[in-house]
Amino acid sequence: MNKNSVWTIVGVVVAVIVAWFVVSALFSVLWFIVKLALVAVVAVVVYLVLRGAFSKHE
């Protein structure tokens, strides 16, 4: 193996490692956004249920 082949292999390995961390961070951020959206939907539903329950008593 010559010197260029070794650097090509090292470059590919480093690229895969960096891509692994970038994709992991991206999925982490996307999961946080999905979780935030689900919390918002549940909060709106709970708010509407509570508002309906308390408005009937008045």
Protein backbone atom coordinates (compact mmCIF):
# COMPACT_ATOMS: atom_id res chain seq x y z
CA MET A 1 0.00 0.00 0.00
CA ASN A 2 1.30 3.42 -0.83
CA LYS A 3 0.94 6.59 1.21
CA ASN A 4 -2.11 7.85 -0.72
CA SER A 5 -4.04 4.64 -0.05
CA VAL A 6 -3.39 4.90 3.69
CA TRP A 7 -4.59 8.52 3.79
CA THR A 8 -7.67 7.59 1.77
CA ILE A 9 -8.58 4.86 4.27
CA VAL A 10 -7.94 7.21 7.20
CA GLY A 11 -10.11 9.87 5.51
CA VAL A 12 -12.96 7.43 4.98
CA VAL A 13 -12.83 6.25 8.60
CA VAL A 14 -12.81 9.83 9.91
CA ALA A 15 -15.68 10.77 7.58
CA VAL A 16 -17.79 7.85 8.82
CA ILE A 17 -17.11 8.73 12.48
CA VAL A 18 -17.99 12.39 11.94
CA ALA A 19 -21.13 11.46 9.98
CA TRP A 20 -22.18 9.09 12.78
CA PHE A 21 -22.04 11.90 15.35
CA VAL A 22 -23.75 14.42 13.07
CA VAL A 23 -26.63 12.03 12.31
CA SER A 24 -26.94 11.15 15.99
CA ALA A 25 -27.15 14.83 16.95
CA LEU A 26 -29.65 15.48 14.16
CA PHE A 27 -31.95 12.68 15.30
CA SER A 28 -31.64 13.91 18.87
CA VAL A 29 -32.78 17.39 17.84
CA LEU A 30 -35.59 16.00 15.70
CA TRP A 31 -36.79 13.77 18.56
CA PHE A 32 -36.79 16.81 20.87
CA ILE A 33 -38.94 18.75 18.37
CA VAL A 34 -41.39 15.84 18.03
CA LYS A 35 -41.57 15.48 21.81
CA LEU A 36 -42.18 19.23 22.17
CA ALA A 37 -44.99 19.09 19.61
CA LEU A 38 -46.63 16.15 21.40
CA VAL A 39 -46.44 17.96 24.73
CA ALA A 40 -48.06 21.02 23.15
CA VAL A 41 -50.92 18.94 21.71
CA VAL A 42 -51.56 17.17 25.02
CA ALA A 43 -51.43 20.49 26.88
CA VAL A 44 -54.03 22.00 24.55
CA VAL A 45 -56.31 18.97 24.96
CA VAL A 46 -55.99 19.06 28.75
CA TYR A 47 -56.63 22.81 28.77
CA LEU A 48 -59.78 22.40 26.67
CA VAL A 49 -61.05 19.57 28.89
CA LEU A 50 -60.43 21.56 32.05
CA ARG A 51 -62.02 24.69 30.59
CA GLY A 52 -65.07 22.68 29.55
CA ALA A 53 -65.34 21.03 32.95
CA PHE A 54 -65.16 24.29 34.87
CA SER A 55 -67.45 26.26 32.55
CA LYS A 56 -70.32 23.78 33.06
CA HIS A 57 -70.37 24.40 36.81
CA GLU A 58 -70.89 28.13 36.50
